């Protein structure tokens, strides 16, 4: 019954990955990583749909909605303590 559950998902083994990049104002953050461009594009589309669904909430919080794009990234370019970003760009109560 003793099982260790990792708090952060393990990064894929590949050296180059497809990243979903979130923009909000001038800030740019890596939202998630994928092995294939198709998976990254699907994630990007899902995130954009979530932003559209919660547009009123973002406006009421006086936050610009995050925008998303997909680009190729090397694993060595990741920040040391990188972790995936939720769809609306909030992490621990803070926006991007």
PDB file of N, CA and C in Angstrom:
ATOM      1  N   UNK A   1       0.804  -1.185   0.000  1.00  0.00           N
ATOM      2  CA  UNK A   1       0.000   0.000   0.000  1.00  0.00           C
ATOM      3  C   UNK A   1       0.854   1.259   0.000  1.00  0.00           C
ATOM      4  N   UNK A   2       2.107   1.139   0.344  1.00  0.00           N
ATOM      5  CA  UNK A   2       3.010   2.285   0.291  1.00  0.00           C
ATOM      6  C   UNK A   2       3.443   2.508  -1.148  1.00  0.00           C
ATOM      7  N   UNK A   3       3.015   3.614  -1.710  1.00  0.00           N
ATOM      8  CA  UNK A   3       3.341   3.919  -3.090  1.00  0.00           C
ATOM      9  C   UNK A   3       3.776   5.372  -3.174  1.00  0.00           C
ATOM     10  N   UNK A   4       4.846   5.619  -3.895  1.00  0.00           N
ATOM     11  CA  UNK A   4       5.328   6.984  -4.077  1.00  0.00           C
ATOM     12  C   UNK A   4       4.684   7.556  -5.326  1.00  0.00           C
ATOM     13  N   UNK A   5       4.020   8.671  -5.165  1.00  0.00           N
ATOM     14  CA  UNK A   5       3.358   9.329  -6.284  1.00  0.00           C
ATOM     15  C   UNK A   5       4.121  10.616  -6.583  1.00  0.00           C
ATOM     16  N   UNK A   6       4.650  10.758  -7.811  1.00  0.00           N
ATOM     17  CA  UNK A   6       5.397  11.977  -8.133  1.00  0.00           C
ATOM     18  C   UNK A   6       4.467  13.191  -8.164  1.00  0.00           C
ATOM     19  N   UNK A   7       4.954  14.307  -7.636  1.00  0.00           N
ATOM     20  CA  UNK A   7       4.154  15.526  -7.630  1.00  0.00           C
ATOM     21  C   UNK A   7       4.179  16.216  -8.979  1.00  0.00           C
ATOM     22  N   UNK A   8       5.277  16.107  -9.689  1.00  0.00           N
ATOM     23  CA  UNK A   8       5.390  16.697 -11.011  1.00  0.00           C
ATOM     24  C   UNK A   8       5.436  15.583 -12.041  1.00  0.00           C
ATOM     25  N   UNK A   9       4.784  15.769 -13.195  1.00  0.00           N
ATOM     26  CA  UNK A   9       4.870  14.740 -14.221  1.00  0.00           C
ATOM     27  C   UNK A   9       6.297  14.651 -14.763  1.00  0.00           C
ATOM     28  N   UNK A  10       6.714  13.450 -15.093  1.00  0.00           N
ATOM     29  CA  UNK A  10       8.050  13.257 -15.653  1.00  0.00           C
ATOM     30  C   UNK A  10       8.109  13.852 -17.054  1.00  0.00           C
ATOM     31  N   UNK A  11       9.235  14.452 -17.383  1.00  0.00           N
ATOM     32  CA  UNK A  11       9.411  15.003 -18.721  1.00  0.00           C
ATOM     33  C   UNK A  11       9.636  13.872 -19.711  1.00  0.00           C
ATOM     34  N   UNK A  12       9.163  14.038 -20.946  1.00  0.00           N
ATOM     35  CA  UNK A  12       9.437  13.023 -21.963  1.00  0.00           C
ATOM     36  C   UNK A  12      10.941  12.862 -22.175  1.00  0.00           C
ATOM     37  N   UNK A  13      11.348  11.720 -22.702  1.00  0.00           N
ATOM     38  CA  UNK A  13      12.765  11.391 -22.868  1.00  0.00           C
ATOM     39  C   UNK A  13      13.433  12.111 -24.044  1.00  0.00           C
ATOM     40  N   UNK A  14      12.679  12.632 -24.994  1.00  0.00           N
ATOM     41  CA  UNK A  14      13.245  13.262 -26.188  1.00  0.00           C
ATOM     42  C   UNK A  14      13.997  14.545 -25.841  1.00  0.00           C
ATOM     43  N   UNK A  15      14.985  14.893 -26.685  1.00  0.00           N
ATOM     44  CA  UNK A  15      15.757  16.123 -26.473  1.00  0.00           C
ATOM     45  C   UNK A  15      15.018  17.364 -26.962  1.00  0.00           C
ATOM     46  N   UNK A  16      14.271  17.217 -28.060  1.00  0.00           N
ATOM     47  CA  UNK A  16      13.471  18.341 -28.552  1.00  0.00           C
ATOM     48  C   UNK A  16      12.001  17.977 -28.427  1.00  0.00           C
ATOM     49  N   UNK A  17      11.229  18.927 -27.975  1.00  0.00           N
ATOM     50  CA  UNK A  17       9.807  18.713 -27.705  1.00  0.00           C
ATOM     51  C   UNK A  17       8.996  19.822 -28.352  1.00  0.00           C
ATOM     52  N   UNK A  18       7.694  19.636 -28.379  1.00  0.00           N
ATOM     53  CA  UNK A  18       6.778  20.676 -28.832  1.00  0.00           C
ATOM     54  C   UNK A  18       6.161  21.310 -27.600  1.00  0.00           C
ATOM     55  N   UNK A  19       6.289  22.620 -27.504  1.00  0.00           N
ATOM     56  CA  UNK A  19       5.803  23.351 -26.335  1.00  0.00           C
ATOM     57  C   UNK A  19       4.584  24.179 -26.700  1.00  0.00           C
ATOM     58  N   UNK A  20       3.619  24.203 -25.793  1.00  0.00           N
ATOM     59  CA  UNK A  20       2.499  25.142 -25.891  1.00  0.00           C
ATOM     60  C   UNK A  20       2.930  26.348 -25.067  1.00  0.00           C
ATOM     61  N   UNK A  21       3.034  27.493 -25.727  1.00  0.00           N
ATOM     62  CA  UNK A  21       3.509  28.720 -25.090  1.00  0.00           C
ATOM     63  C   UNK A  21       2.313  29.611 -24.795  1.00  0.00           C
ATOM     64  N   UNK A  22       2.237  30.113 -23.566  1.00  0.00           N
ATOM     65  CA  UNK A  22       1.163  31.028 -23.159  1.00  0.00           C
ATOM     66  C   UNK A  22       1.727  32.446 -23.087  1.00  0.00           C
ATOM     67  N   UNK A  23       0.972  33.397 -23.647  1.00  0.00           N
ATOM     68  CA  UNK A  23       1.328  34.810 -23.596  1.00  0.00           C
ATOM     69  C   UNK A  23       0.241  35.551 -22.846  1.00  0.00           C
ATOM     70  N   UNK A  24       0.634  36.461 -21.990  1.00  0.00           N
ATOM     71  CA  UNK A  24      -0.325  37.353 -21.337  1.00  0.00           C
ATOM     72  C   UNK A  24       0.396  38.681 -21.151  1.00  0.00           C
ATOM     73  N   UNK A  25      -0.028  39.676 -21.914  1.00  0.00           N
ATOM     74  CA  UNK A  25       0.709  40.931 -21.905  1.00  0.00           C
ATOM     75  C   UNK A  25       2.093  40.678 -22.490  1.00  0.00           C
ATOM     76  N   UNK A  26       3.138  41.063 -21.760  1.00  0.00           N
ATOM     77  CA  UNK A  26       4.508  40.855 -22.233  1.00  0.00           C
ATOM     78  C   UNK A  26       5.124  39.569 -21.708  1.00  0.00           C
ATOM     79  N   UNK A  27       4.427  38.886 -20.801  1.00  0.00           N
ATOM     80  CA  UNK A  27       4.979  37.642 -20.229  1.00  0.00           C
ATOM     81  C   UNK A  27       4.751  36.456 -21.144  1.00  0.00           C
ATOM     82  N   UNK A  28       5.735  35.582 -21.185  1.00  0.00           N
ATOM     83  CA  UNK A  28       5.692  34.374 -22.009  1.00  0.00           C
ATOM     84  C   UNK A  28       6.077  33.205 -21.109  1.00  0.00           C
ATOM     85  N   UNK A  29       5.230  32.173 -21.068  1.00  0.00           N
ATOM     86  CA  UNK A  29       5.443  31.024 -20.181  1.00  0.00           C
ATOM     87  C   UNK A  29       5.185  29.741 -20.964  1.00  0.00           C
ATOM     88  N   UNK A  30       5.981  28.712 -20.705  1.00  0.00           N
ATOM     89  CA  UNK A  30       5.745  27.402 -21.315  1.00  0.00           C
ATOM     90  C   UNK A  30       4.612  26.739 -20.546  1.00  0.00           C
ATOM     91  N   UNK A  31       3.482  26.543 -21.213  1.00  0.00           N
ATOM     92  CA  UNK A  31       2.301  25.983 -20.560  1.00  0.00           C
ATOM     93  C   UNK A  31       2.384  24.462 -20.437  1.00  0.00           C
ATOM     94  N   UNK A  32       2.840  23.780 -21.493  1.00  0.00           N
ATOM     95  CA  UNK A  32       2.932  22.322 -21.452  1.00  0.00           C
ATOM     96  C   UNK A  32       3.864  21.836 -22.548  1.00  0.00           C
ATOM     97  N   UNK A  33       4.305  20.589 -22.432  1.00  0.00           N
ATOM     98  CA  UNK A  33       5.220  19.965 -23.384  1.00  0.00           C
ATOM     99  C   UNK A  33       4.601  18.698 -23.953  1.00  0.00           C
ATOM    100  N   UNK A  34       4.916  18.437 -25.236  1.00  0.00           N
ATOM    101  CA  UNK A  34       4.394  17.247 -25.908  1.00  0.00           C
ATOM    102  C   UNK A  34       5.461  16.671 -26.824  1.00  0.00           C
ATOM    103  N   UNK A  35       5.372  15.377 -27.081  1.00  0.00           N
ATOM    104  CA  UNK A  35       6.313  14.720 -27.988  1.00  0.00           C
ATOM    105  C   UNK A  35       6.003  15.016 -29.448  1.00  0.00           C
ATOM    106  N   UNK A  36       4.721  15.187 -29.786  1.00  0.00           N
ATOM    107  CA  UNK A  36       4.346  15.414 -31.182  1.00  0.00           C
ATOM    108  C   UNK A  36       3.682  16.773 -31.355  1.00  0.00           C
ATOM    109  N   UNK A  37       3.817  17.309 -32.557  1.00  0.00           N
ATOM    110  CA  UNK A  37       3.189  18.594 -32.866  1.00  0.00           C
ATOM    111  C   UNK A  37       1.665  18.470 -32.802  1.00  0.00           C
ATOM    112  N   UNK A  38       1.140  17.336 -33.231  1.00  0.00           N
ATOM    113  CA  UNK A  38      -0.307  17.136 -33.223  1.00  0.00           C
ATOM    114  C   UNK A  38      -0.861  17.214 -31.801  1.00  0.00           C
ATOM    115  N   UNK A  39      -0.178  16.585 -30.861  1.00  0.00           N
ATOM    116  CA  UNK A  39      -0.622  16.630 -29.463  1.00  0.00           C
ATOM    117  C   UNK A  39      -0.537  18.050 -28.920  1.00  0.00           C
ATOM    118  N   UNK A  40       0.521  18.765 -29.282  1.00  0.00           N
ATOM    119  CA  UNK A  40       0.673  20.148 -28.830  1.00  0.00           C
ATOM    120  C   UNK A  40      -0.411  21.038 -29.432  1.00  0.00           C
ATOM    121  N   UNK A  41      -0.723  20.843 -30.709  1.00  0.00           N
ATOM    122  CA  UNK A  41      -1.784  21.629 -31.360  1.00  0.00           C
ATOM    123  C   UNK A  41      -3.136  21.348 -30.709  1.00  0.00           C
ATOM    124  N   UNK A  42      -3.409  20.080 -30.398  1.00  0.00           N
ATOM    125  CA  UNK A  42      -4.675  19.729 -29.744  1.00  0.00           C
ATOM    126  C   UNK A  42      -4.762  20.382 -28.368  1.00  0.00           C
ATOM    127  N   UNK A  43      -3.671  20.365 -27.616  1.00  0.00           N
ATOM    128  CA  UNK A  43      -3.640  21.004 -26.300  1.00  0.00           C
ATOM    129  C   UNK A  43      -3.837  22.510 -26.437  1.00  0.00           C
ATOM    130  N   UNK A  44      -3.201  23.101 -27.423  1.00  0.00           N
ATOM    131  CA  UNK A  44      -3.326  24.540 -27.664  1.00  0.00           C
ATOM    132  C   UNK A  44      -4.784  24.907 -27.979  1.00  0.00           C
ATOM    133  N   UNK A  45      -5.425  24.121 -28.832  1.00  0.00           N
ATOM    134  CA  UNK A  45      -6.832  24.368 -29.173  1.00  0.00           C
ATOM    135  C   UNK A  45      -7.724  24.231 -27.939  1.00  0.00           C
ATOM    136  N   UNK A  46      -7.463  23.216 -27.108  1.00  0.00           N
ATOM    137  CA  UNK A  46      -8.248  23.020 -25.888  1.00  0.00           C
ATOM    138  C   UNK A  46      -8.087  24.211 -24.952  1.00  0.00           C
ATOM    139  N   UNK A  47      -6.858  24.688 -24.781  1.00  0.00           N
ATOM    140  CA  UNK A  47      -6.606  25.835 -23.909  1.00  0.00           C
ATOM    141  C   UNK A  47      -7.315  27.085 -24.427  1.00  0.00           C
ATOM    142  N   UNK A  48      -7.287  27.297 -25.737  1.00  0.00           N
ATOM    143  CA  UNK A  48      -7.976  28.468 -26.303  1.00  0.00           C
ATOM    144  C   UNK A  48      -9.485  28.360 -26.095  1.00  0.00           C
ATOM    145  N   UNK A  49     -10.025  27.143 -26.190  1.00  0.00           N
ATOM    146  CA  UNK A  49     -11.458  26.945 -25.945  1.00  0.00           C
ATOM    147  C   UNK A  49     -11.801  27.245 -24.485  1.00  0.00           C
ATOM    148  N   UNK A  50     -10.928  26.861 -23.560  1.00  0.00           N
ATOM    149  CA  UNK A  50     -11.159  27.158 -22.144  1.00  0.00           C
ATOM    150  C   UNK A  50     -11.143  28.660 -21.888  1.00  0.00           C
ATOM    151  N   UNK A  51     -10.243  29.367 -22.535  1.00  0.00           N
ATOM    152  CA  UNK A  51     -10.182  30.826 -22.378  1.00  0.00           C
ATOM    153  C   UNK A  51     -11.468  31.456 -22.904  1.00  0.00           C
ATOM    154  N   UNK A  52     -11.958  30.976 -24.052  1.00  0.00           N
ATOM    155  CA  UNK A  52     -13.227  31.507 -24.592  1.00  0.00           C
ATOM    156  C   UNK A  52     -14.380  31.220 -23.637  1.00  0.00           C
ATOM    157  N   UNK A  53     -14.395  30.025 -23.050  1.00  0.00           N
ATOM    158  CA  UNK A  53     -15.484  29.648 -22.142  1.00  0.00           C
ATOM    159  C   UNK A  53     -15.481  30.485 -20.864  1.00  0.00           C
ATOM    160  N   UNK A  54     -14.317  30.901 -20.416  1.00  0.00           N
ATOM    161  CA  UNK A  54     -14.202  31.663 -19.169  1.00  0.00           C
ATOM    162  C   UNK A  54     -13.855  33.130 -19.410  1.00  0.00           C
ATOM    163  N   UNK A  55     -14.201  33.642 -20.577  1.00  0.00           N
ATOM    164  CA  UNK A  55     -13.859  35.026 -20.930  1.00  0.00           C
ATOM    165  C   UNK A  55     -14.447  36.026 -19.939  1.00  0.00           C
ATOM    166  N   UNK A  56     -15.693  35.826 -19.534  1.00  0.00           N
ATOM    167  CA  UNK A  56     -16.316  36.768 -18.583  1.00  0.00           C
ATOM    168  C   UNK A  56     -15.583  36.789 -17.248  1.00  0.00           C
ATOM    169  N   UNK A  57     -15.162  35.624 -16.785  1.00  0.00           N
ATOM    170  CA  UNK A  57     -14.409  35.558 -15.532  1.00  0.00           C
ATOM    171  C   UNK A  57     -13.107  36.349 -15.647  1.00  0.00           C
ATOM    172  N   UNK A  58     -12.389  36.144 -16.739  1.00  0.00           N
ATOM    173  CA  UNK A  58     -11.120  36.854 -16.919  1.00  0.00           C
ATOM    174  C   UNK A  58     -11.331  38.363 -16.987  1.00  0.00           C
ATOM    175  N   UNK A  59     -12.403  38.786 -17.649  1.00  0.00           N
ATOM    176  CA  UNK A  59     -12.709  40.215 -17.727  1.00  0.00           C
ATOM    177  C   UNK A  59     -13.055  40.753 -16.345  1.00  0.00           C
ATOM    178  N   UNK A  60     -13.835  39.988 -15.564  1.00  0.00           N
ATOM    179  CA  UNK A  60     -14.207  40.449 -14.222  1.00  0.00           C
ATOM    180  C   UNK A  60     -12.988  40.546 -13.300  1.00  0.00           C
ATOM    181  N   UNK A  61     -11.967  39.747 -13.554  1.00  0.00           N
ATOM    182  CA  UNK A  61     -10.728  39.803 -12.772  1.00  0.00           C
ATOM    183  C   UNK A  61      -9.765  40.856 -13.318  1.00  0.00           C
ATOM    184  N   UNK A  62     -10.191  41.553 -14.362  1.00  0.00           N
ATOM    185  CA  UNK A  62      -9.395  42.597 -15.016  1.00  0.00           C
ATOM    186  C   UNK A  62      -8.034  42.065 -15.461  1.00  0.00           C
ATOM    187  N   UNK A  63      -8.059  40.870 -16.028  1.00  0.00           N
ATOM    188  CA  UNK A  63      -6.848  40.242 -16.541  1.00  0.00           C
ATOM    189  C   UNK A  63      -6.978  40.073 -18.046  1.00  0.00           C
ATOM    190  N   UNK A  64      -5.929  40.381 -18.798  1.00  0.00           N
ATOM    191  CA  UNK A  64      -5.998  40.092 -20.233  1.00  0.00           C
ATOM    192  C   UNK A  64      -6.012  38.580 -20.435  1.00  0.00           C
ATOM    193  N   UNK A  65      -6.821  38.087 -21.349  1.00  0.00           N
ATOM    194  CA  UNK A  65      -6.862  36.635 -21.556  1.00  0.00           C
ATOM    195  C   UNK A  65      -5.538  36.144 -22.136  1.00  0.00           C
ATOM    196  N   UNK A  66      -5.079  34.975 -21.711  1.00  0.00           N
ATOM    197  CA  UNK A  66      -3.839  34.443 -22.281  1.00  0.00           C
ATOM    198  C   UNK A  66      -4.050  33.996 -23.725  1.00  0.00           C
ATOM    199  N   UNK A  67      -3.019  34.124 -24.520  1.00  0.00           N
ATOM    200  CA  UNK A  67      -3.015  33.624 -25.894  1.00  0.00           C
ATOM    201  C   UNK A  67      -2.025  32.462 -25.939  1.00  0.00           C
ATOM    202  N   UNK A  68      -2.233  31.548 -26.861  1.00  0.00           N
ATOM    203  CA  UNK A  68      -1.394  30.353 -26.926  1.00  0.00           C
ATOM    204  C   UNK A  68      -0.858  30.138 -28.328  1.00  0.00           C
ATOM    205  N   UNK A  69       0.330  29.559 -28.407  1.00  0.00           N
ATOM    206  CA  UNK A  69       0.918  29.152 -29.682  1.00  0.00           C
ATOM    207  C   UNK A  69       1.784  27.920 -29.437  1.00  0.00           C
ATOM    208  N   UNK A  70       2.160  27.246 -30.509  1.00  0.00           N
ATOM    209  CA  UNK A  70       2.978  26.036 -30.417  1.00  0.00           C
ATOM    210  C   UNK A  70       4.323  26.312 -31.079  1.00  0.00           C
ATOM    211  N   UNK A  71       5.393  25.904 -30.420  1.00  0.00           N
ATOM    212  CA  UNK A  71       6.718  25.998 -31.037  1.00  0.00           C
ATOM    213  C   UNK A  71       7.613  24.880 -30.512  1.00  0.00           C
ATOM    214  N   UNK A  72       8.648  24.608 -31.273  1.00  0.00           N
ATOM    215  CA  UNK A  72       9.605  23.564 -30.899  1.00  0.00           C
ATOM    216  C   UNK A  72      10.565  24.116 -29.851  1.00  0.00           C
ATOM    217  N   UNK A  73      10.951  23.275 -28.886  1.00  0.00           N
ATOM    218  CA  UNK A  73      11.836  23.712 -27.807  1.00  0.00           C
ATOM    219  C   UNK A  73      12.769  22.568 -27.431  1.00  0.00           C
ATOM    220  N   UNK A  74      13.974  22.929 -27.019  1.00  0.00           N
ATOM    221  CA  UNK A  74      14.912  21.919 -26.518  1.00  0.00           C
ATOM    222  C   UNK A  74      14.692  21.748 -25.022  1.00  0.00           C
ATOM    223  N   UNK A  75      14.855  20.542 -24.550  1.00  0.00           N
ATOM    224  CA  UNK A  75      14.657  20.272 -23.126  1.00  0.00           C
ATOM    225  C   UNK A  75      15.619  21.104 -22.273  1.00  0.00           C
ATOM    226  N   UNK A  76      16.808  21.390 -22.795  1.00  0.00           N
ATOM    227  CA  UNK A  76      17.790  22.181 -22.043  1.00  0.00           C
ATOM    228  C   UNK A  76      17.369  23.639 -21.886  1.00  0.00           C
ATOM    229  N   UNK A  77      16.413  24.108 -22.697  1.00  0.00           N
ATOM    230  CA  UNK A  77      15.936  25.495 -22.602  1.00  0.00           C
ATOM    231  C   UNK A  77      14.844  25.680 -21.551  1.00  0.00           C
ATOM    232  N   UNK A  78      14.406  24.587 -20.936  1.00  0.00           N
ATOM    233  CA  UNK A  78      13.353  24.682 -19.920  1.00  0.00           C
ATOM    234  C   UNK A  78      13.890  25.308 -18.636  1.00  0.00           C
ATOM    235  N   UNK A  79      13.078  26.122 -17.968  1.00  0.00           N
ATOM    236  CA  UNK A  79      13.486  26.620 -16.650  1.00  0.00           C
ATOM    237  C   UNK A  79      13.671  25.443 -15.685  1.00  0.00           C
ATOM    238  N   UNK A  80      14.521  25.612 -14.719  1.00  0.00           N
ATOM    239  CA  UNK A  80      14.864  24.514 -13.804  1.00  0.00           C
ATOM    240  C   UNK A  80      13.643  23.943 -13.085  1.00  0.00           C
ATOM    241  N   UNK A  81      12.791  24.770 -12.565  1.00  0.00           N
ATOM    242  CA  UNK A  81      11.627  24.291 -11.803  1.00  0.00           C
ATOM    243  C   UNK A  81      10.334  24.429 -12.611  1.00  0.00           C
ATOM    244  N   UNK A  82      10.407  24.116 -13.892  1.00  0.00           N
ATOM    245  CA  UNK A  82       9.232  24.244 -14.741  1.00  0.00           C
ATOM    246  C   UNK A  82       8.154  23.257 -14.320  1.00  0.00           C
ATOM    247  N   UNK A  83       6.900  23.697 -14.363  1.00  0.00           N
ATOM    248  CA  UNK A  83       5.757  22.809 -14.161  1.00  0.00           C
ATOM    249  C   UNK A  83       4.645  23.257 -15.099  1.00  0.00           C
ATOM    250  N   UNK A  84       3.779  22.319 -15.521  1.00  0.00           N
ATOM    251  CA  UNK A  84       2.703  22.658 -16.449  1.00  0.00           C
ATOM    252  C   UNK A  84       1.805  23.760 -15.895  1.00  0.00           C
ATOM    253  N   UNK A  85       1.246  24.540 -16.799  1.00  0.00           N
ATOM    254  CA  UNK A  85       0.395  25.661 -16.435  1.00  0.00           C
ATOM    255  C   UNK A  85      -1.064  25.305 -16.710  1.00  0.00           C
ATOM    256  N   UNK A  86      -1.985  25.605 -15.795  1.00  0.00           N
ATOM    257  CA  UNK A  86      -3.403  25.363 -16.054  1.00  0.00           C
ATOM    258  C   UNK A  86      -3.901  26.180 -17.251  1.00  0.00           C
ATOM    259  N   UNK A  87      -5.040  25.798 -17.796  1.00  0.00           N
ATOM    260  CA  UNK A  87      -5.540  26.378 -19.042  1.00  0.00           C
ATOM    261  C   UNK A  87      -5.752  27.884 -18.997  1.00  0.00           C
ATOM    262  N   UNK A  88      -6.258  28.423 -17.899  1.00  0.00           N
ATOM    263  CA  UNK A  88      -6.551  29.854 -17.860  1.00  0.00           C
ATOM    264  C   UNK A  88      -5.340  30.694 -17.482  1.00  0.00           C
ATOM    265  N   UNK A  89      -4.218  30.057 -17.290  1.00  0.00           N
ATOM    266  CA  UNK A  89      -3.004  30.802 -16.994  1.00  0.00           C
ATOM    267  C   UNK A  89      -2.832  31.152 -15.535  1.00  0.00           C
ATOM    268  N   UNK A  90      -3.608  30.506 -14.658  1.00  0.00           N
ATOM    269  CA  UNK A  90      -3.484  30.779 -13.229  1.00  0.00           C
ATOM    270  C   UNK A  90      -2.732  29.642 -12.558  1.00  0.00           C
ATOM    271  N   UNK A  91      -1.864  29.985 -11.659  1.00  0.00           N
ATOM    272  CA  UNK A  91      -1.138  28.987 -10.900  1.00  0.00           C
ATOM    273  C   UNK A  91      -0.997  29.510  -9.480  1.00  0.00           C
ATOM    274  N   UNK A  92      -1.583  28.783  -8.534  1.00  0.00           N
ATOM    275  CA  UNK A  92      -1.569  29.187  -7.129  1.00  0.00           C
ATOM    276  C   UNK A  92      -2.126  30.598  -6.929  1.00  0.00           C
ATOM    277  N   UNK A  93      -3.228  30.894  -7.608  1.00  0.00           N
ATOM    278  CA  UNK A  93      -3.892  32.182  -7.426  1.00  0.00           C
ATOM    279  C   UNK A  93      -3.280  33.330  -8.199  1.00  0.00           C
ATOM    280  N   UNK A  94      -2.189  33.089  -8.910  1.00  0.00           N
ATOM    281  CA  UNK A  94      -1.536  34.136  -9.690  1.00  0.00           C
ATOM    282  C   UNK A  94      -1.732  33.869 -11.167  1.00  0.00           C
ATOM    283  N   UNK A  95      -1.943  34.934 -11.920  1.00  0.00           N
ATOM    284  CA  UNK A  95      -2.008  34.798 -13.368  1.00  0.00           C
ATOM    285  C   UNK A  95      -0.590  34.735 -13.914  1.00  0.00           C
ATOM    286  N   UNK A  96      -0.448  34.406 -15.159  1.00  0.00           N
ATOM    287  CA  UNK A  96       0.863  34.236 -15.804  1.00  0.00           C
ATOM    288  C   UNK A  96       1.825  35.316 -15.381  1.00  0.00           C
TER     289      UNK A  96
END
